[in-house]
Amino acid sequence: SNRGSDSKSEMQMKDFVDMLKNLKLNPLAKEFVPSSYYQPSGETYHFVPVNKASGGDDFLNSRKRRNSSYGQGRKRMNGRVFKAQREDSIRRTVYVSDIDHNITEEQLAALFSSYGQVVDCRVCGDPHSRLRFAFVEFSDDYSAKLALNLSGALVGFSPLKVLPSKTAILPVNPSFLPRSEDEREMCARTVYCTNIDKNV
């Protein structure tokens, strides 16, 4: 009977994983703070800084100011440019799932850097379970296509699934990042809860 309960819990876990894959998760959520931004002194994480003007509040505010003085045709052109930049970023990004809980963002970035220059790597999900996924952005779409070959590679105790991404990675607003060791420690001990009943 123990074997039957194990297979039942495995099936429930598989159903849960399948359900998560079908959710429209938002990697652009401003609350997400990747661990790659906490660089202890002396460590290099293989990230290449890139001017990602396709997102962020400053870009949107300056765009609104510029657009207010132009005609409708100019607005449409800026919208097209923004969309083209976003689509280009999506083409350069891969989605990675089934990441072993022992694998860090930096290790994942180092693994993918053998296929091309990694611009950004963001791991999301529960750090203590198999329900972790990531987005890895390369400097060119050719590298992203090559990186699809990592699908099925055993990394840690879990074979990775690598697919073309349907979304781009938005840069994190620096004002959301912790500014001191105390703030970092507080973030590590803090959970975000939503959908709480108003009577609680």
Protein backbone atom coordinates (compact mmCIF):
# COMPACT_ATOMS: atom_id res chain seq x y z
CA SER A 1 0.00 0.00 0.00
CA ASN A 2 3.01 2.28 0.57
CA ARG A 3 3.98 1.94 -3.10
CA GLY A 4 0.42 2.88 -4.14
CA SER A 5 0.46 6.03 -1.99
CA ASP A 6 3.88 7.00 -3.42
CA SER A 7 2.62 6.72 -7.00
CA LYS A 8 -0.54 8.63 -6.06
CA SER A 9 1.51 11.49 -4.57
CA GLU A 10 3.77 11.44 -7.64
CA MET A 11 0.69 11.72 -9.87
CA GLN A 12 -0.62 14.59 -7.75
CA MET A 13 2.76 16.32 -8.02
CA LYS A 14 2.77 15.77 -11.79
CA ASP A 15 -0.75 17.24 -12.02
CA PHE A 16 0.42 20.21 -9.95
CA VAL A 17 3.49 20.73 -12.16
CA ASP A 18 1.31 20.50 -15.30
CA MET A 19 -1.10 23.04 -13.81
CA LEU A 20 1.79 25.45 -13.10
CA LYS A 21 3.06 25.09 -16.66
CA ASN A 22 -0.34 26.18 -17.99
CA LEU A 23 -0.53 29.23 -15.74
CA LYS A 24 0.33 32.54 -17.28
CA LEU A 25 3.15 33.37 -14.85
CA ASN A 26 4.52 36.87 -14.99
CA PRO A 27 8.33 36.98 -15.03
CA LEU A 28 7.96 40.75 -15.35
CA ALA A 29 6.53 41.14 -11.83
CA LYS A 30 8.30 44.04 -10.17
CA GLU A 31 8.29 42.28 -6.79
CA PHE A 32 10.71 39.63 -8.03
CA VAL A 33 14.31 40.30 -6.98
CA PRO A 34 16.82 37.88 -8.54
CA SER A 35 19.64 36.62 -6.36
CA SER A 36 22.14 37.61 -9.06
CA TYR A 37 21.87 41.21 -7.87
CA TYR A 38 23.42 40.27 -4.51
CA GLN A 39 27.02 39.89 -5.57
CA PRO A 40 29.33 39.15 -2.65
CA SER A 41 32.66 40.89 -3.17
CA GLY A 42 35.10 38.95 -5.28
CA GLU A 43 32.59 36.77 -7.15
CA THR A 44 31.81 37.05 -10.84
CA TYR A 45 28.51 35.86 -12.21
CA HIS A 46 29.12 35.98 -15.97
CA PHE A 47 26.38 38.52 -16.66
CA VAL A 48 26.89 41.18 -19.29
CA PRO A 49 25.26 44.54 -18.53
CA VAL A 50 23.03 45.59 -21.39
CA ASN A 51 21.03 48.77 -21.84
CA LYS A 52 17.54 47.28 -21.78
CA ALA A 53 15.55 50.39 -22.62
CA SER A 54 12.53 48.26 -23.46
CA GLY A 55 11.25 48.39 -19.88
CA GLY A 56 11.24 50.23 -16.59
CA ASP A 57 9.44 53.28 -15.27
CA ASP A 58 12.04 55.81 -16.48
CA PHE A 59 11.67 54.61 -20.06
CA LEU A 60 7.87 54.76 -19.94
CA ASN A 61 7.84 58.23 -18.36
CA SER A 62 10.31 59.69 -20.87
CA ARG A 63 8.34 58.05 -23.67
CA LYS A 64 5.12 59.73 -22.49
CA ARG A 65 6.85 63.12 -22.40
CA ARG A 66 8.27 62.67 -25.90
CA ASN A 67 4.99 61.44 -27.34
CA SER A 68 2.99 64.38 -25.99
CA SER A 69 4.75 66.74 -28.42
CA TYR A 70 4.43 64.56 -31.54
CA GLY A 71 1.57 63.65 -33.82
CA GLN A 72 -0.30 60.35 -33.93
CA GLY A 73 2.03 58.91 -36.59
CA ARG A 74 5.03 59.34 -34.31
CA LYS A 75 3.22 57.54 -31.47
CA ARG A 76 2.51 54.59 -33.72
CA MET A 77 6.15 54.46 -34.78
CA ASN A 78 7.38 54.45 -31.16
CA GLY A 79 4.91 51.68 -30.37
CA ARG A 80 6.26 49.65 -33.29
CA VAL A 81 9.85 50.17 -32.18
CA PHE A 82 8.98 49.17 -28.60
CA LYS A 83 7.17 46.05 -29.85
CA ALA A 84 10.07 45.13 -32.16
CA GLN A 85 12.60 45.50 -29.32
CA ARG A 86 10.41 43.37 -27.06
CA GLU A 87 9.99 40.66 -29.74
CA ASP A 88 13.76 40.65 -30.29
CA SER A 89 14.31 40.18 -26.55
CA ILE A 90 11.80 37.30 -26.52
CA ARG A 91 13.61 35.58 -29.42
CA ARG A 92 16.87 35.80 -27.44
CA THR A 93 15.30 34.25 -24.30
CA VAL A 94 14.76 30.59 -23.36
CA TYR A 95 12.45 29.17 -20.69
CA VAL A 96 13.99 26.51 -18.43
CA SER A 97 11.94 24.25 -16.14
CA ASP A 98 12.50 21.29 -13.79
CA ILE A 99 15.55 22.93 -12.20
CA ASP A 100 17.14 21.01 -9.33
CA HIS A 101 16.70 22.93 -6.05
CA ASN A 102 20.47 22.85 -5.43
CA ILE A 103 21.28 24.71 -8.66
CA THR A 104 21.86 28.45 -8.23
CA GLU A 105 21.12 31.23 -10.69
CA GLU A 106 24.85 31.73 -11.17
CA GLN A 107 25.47 28.04 -11.93
CA LEU A 108 22.62 28.04 -14.44
CA ALA A 109 24.00 31.16 -16.13
CA ALA A 110 27.47 29.57 -16.30
CA LEU A 111 26.00 26.41 -17.85
CA PHE A 112 24.13 28.36 -20.54
CA SER A 113 27.10 30.66 -21.21
CA SER A 114 28.76 27.78 -23.08
CA TYR A 115 26.14 28.38 -25.82
CA GLY A 116 26.65 32.15 -26.04
CA GLN A 117 26.87 35.38 -24.10
CA VAL A 118 24.29 35.37 -21.26
CA VAL A 119 22.74 38.81 -20.75
CA ASP A 120 20.38 37.91 -17.90
CA CYS A 121 19.33 34.82 -15.94
CA ARG A 122 16.35 34.80 -13.61
CA VAL A 123 15.30 31.78 -11.53
CA CYS A 124 11.74 31.83 -10.15
CA GLY A 125 9.60 29.56 -7.99
CA ASP A 126 9.98 27.72 -4.70
CA PRO A 127 13.71 27.36 -3.96
CA HIS A 128 13.09 24.16 -1.95
CA SER A 129 11.16 22.13 -4.54
CA ARG A 130 11.22 20.92 -8.14
CA LEU A 131 8.80 23.68 -9.06
CA ARG A 132 11.54 26.06 -10.16
CA PHE A 133 11.86 27.63 -13.57
CA ALA A 134 14.08 30.24 -15.14
CA PHE A 135 14.45 32.62 -18.04
CA VAL A 136 17.86 32.96 -19.67
CA GLU A 137 18.45 35.79 -22.14
CA PHE A 138 21.32 35.71 -24.62
CA SER A 139 22.92 38.53 -26.60
CA ASP A 140 21.64 36.99 -29.87
CA ASP A 141 18.85 34.66 -30.98
CA TYR A 142 21.28 32.15 -32.54
CA SER A 143 22.69 31.37 -29.06
CA ALA A 144 19.15 30.96 -27.71
CA LYS A 145 18.37 28.42 -30.45
CA LEU A 146 21.60 26.54 -29.69
CA ALA A 147 20.76 26.48 -25.97
CA LEU A 148 17.61 24.47 -26.72
CA ASN A 149 20.02 21.51 -27.06
CA LEU A 150 20.37 21.53 -23.26
CA SER A 151 16.83 20.17 -22.95
CA GLY A 152 17.08 16.76 -21.29
CA ALA A 153 20.55 17.43 -19.85
CA LEU A 154 20.87 16.10 -16.31
CA VAL A 155 21.82 19.03 -14.08
CA GLY A 156 22.00 18.05 -10.43
CA PHE A 157 19.36 15.35 -9.98
CA SER A 158 16.88 16.61 -12.56
CA PRO A 159 16.86 16.70 -16.38
CA LEU A 160 16.23 20.25 -17.61
CA LYS A 161 13.45 21.21 -19.98
CA VAL A 162 14.48 24.09 -22.25
CA LEU A 163 11.95 25.77 -24.53
CA PRO A 164 11.76 29.04 -26.47
CA SER A 165 10.38 31.69 -24.13
CA LYS A 166 7.03 33.38 -24.72
CA THR A 167 8.02 36.44 -22.67
CA ALA A 168 11.01 38.72 -22.18
CA ILE A 169 12.77 39.49 -18.90
CA LEU A 170 12.10 43.00 -17.63
CA PRO A 171 14.94 44.66 -15.71
CA VAL A 172 14.39 45.04 -11.97
CA ASN A 173 13.86 48.58 -10.73
CA PRO A 174 16.91 49.27 -8.48
CA SER A 175 14.70 51.04 -5.93
CA PHE A 176 13.15 47.64 -5.07
CA LEU A 177 16.51 46.08 -4.25
CA PRO A 178 17.69 45.83 -0.62
CA ARG A 179 20.27 48.49 0.23
CA SER A 180 21.98 46.90 3.24
CA GLU A 181 22.86 43.52 4.71
CA ASP A 182 20.00 43.92 7.21
CA GLU A 183 17.52 44.51 4.37
CA ARG A 184 18.84 41.45 2.50
CA GLU A 185 18.43 39.35 5.63
CA MET A 186 14.91 40.69 6.13
CA CYS A 187 14.04 39.81 2.50
CA ALA A 188 15.29 36.26 3.03
CA ARG A 189 12.89 35.92 5.99
CA THR A 190 9.89 37.59 4.32
CA VAL A 191 7.10 35.96 2.32
CA TYR A 192 4.60 37.72 0.08
CA CYS A 193 0.95 36.72 0.61
CA THR A 194 -1.94 37.64 -1.64
CA ASN A 195 -5.62 36.84 -2.07
CA ILE A 196 -6.22 37.11 1.70
CA ASP A 197 -9.82 37.31 2.89
CA LYS A 198 -10.74 40.84 4.07
CA ASN A 199 -12.05 39.42 7.38
CA VAL A 200 -8.61 38.07 8.34
